[in-house]
Protein backbone atom coordinates (compact mmCIF):
# COMPACT_ATOMS: atom_id res chain seq x y z
CA MET A 1 -38.38 125.88 177.79
CA PRO A 2 -40.81 123.04 176.97
CA THR A 3 -39.69 123.21 173.32
CA LEU A 4 -36.03 122.83 174.33
CA PHE A 5 -36.87 119.89 176.59
CA ARG A 6 -38.88 118.25 173.78
CA LEU A 7 -35.96 118.71 171.35
CA LEU A 8 -33.47 117.23 173.83
CA ALA A 9 -35.80 114.31 174.53
CA ILE A 10 -36.20 113.57 170.80
CA LEU A 11 -32.43 113.73 170.29
CA ALA A 12 -31.86 111.43 173.27
CA VAL A 13 -34.38 108.89 171.97
CA ALA A 14 -32.84 109.03 168.47
CA GLY A 15 -29.36 108.54 169.96
CA ALA A 16 -30.55 105.59 172.03
CA VAL A 17 -32.13 103.97 168.95
CA ALA A 18 -28.92 104.48 166.95
CA ALA A 19 -26.80 103.03 169.76
CA ALA A 20 -29.12 100.03 170.07
CA ALA A 21 -28.97 99.43 166.32
CA MET A 22 -25.16 99.57 166.30
CA THR A 23 -24.97 97.22 169.28
CA ALA A 24 -27.36 94.77 167.63
CA LEU A 25 -25.35 94.83 164.38
CA ALA A 26 -22.05 94.35 166.23
CA THR A 27 -23.29 91.38 168.25
CA LEU A 28 -25.70 89.60 165.91
CA VAL A 29 -24.04 89.86 162.48
CA THR A 30 -21.08 87.58 161.78
CA PRO A 31 -19.01 88.57 158.73
CA THR A 32 -17.84 85.82 156.40
CA PRO A 33 -14.10 86.04 155.70
CA ARG A 34 -13.09 85.91 152.04
CA GLU A 35 -10.00 86.57 150.00
CA ILE A 36 -9.81 89.80 148.01
CA THR A 37 -7.39 90.23 145.11
CA THR A 38 -6.85 93.59 143.45
CA THR A 39 -4.58 94.40 140.51
CA ILE A 40 -2.94 97.81 140.60
CA ARG A 41 -1.75 99.09 137.24
CA LEU A 42 0.90 101.81 137.08
CA PRO A 43 1.25 104.10 134.09
CA PRO A 44 4.27 103.14 131.93
CA ASP A 45 6.08 106.45 132.58
CA SER A 46 5.87 106.28 136.40
CA LYS A 47 8.49 104.66 138.59
CA ALA A 48 7.53 102.11 141.23
CA PRO A 49 8.66 102.98 144.77
CA THR A 50 11.90 101.24 145.71
CA GLY A 51 11.29 100.96 149.44
CA ALA A 52 9.98 102.57 152.57
CA GLY A 53 11.36 105.88 153.75
CA HIS A 54 12.49 107.27 150.39
CA ALA A 55 11.47 110.83 149.66
CA ARG A 56 10.24 111.78 146.23
């Protein structure tokens, strides 16, 4: 029984540290917005989708 209690205590402490780290990251770090541009190339033999809701 003491081994089970020790395991549960270690897991609880590890969970508390992880929760504290996530809370600190969520409140202290401010992301910088930036524009992202990505080019998507289709193979020449494929057809581009014509609209939403069309089955293939």
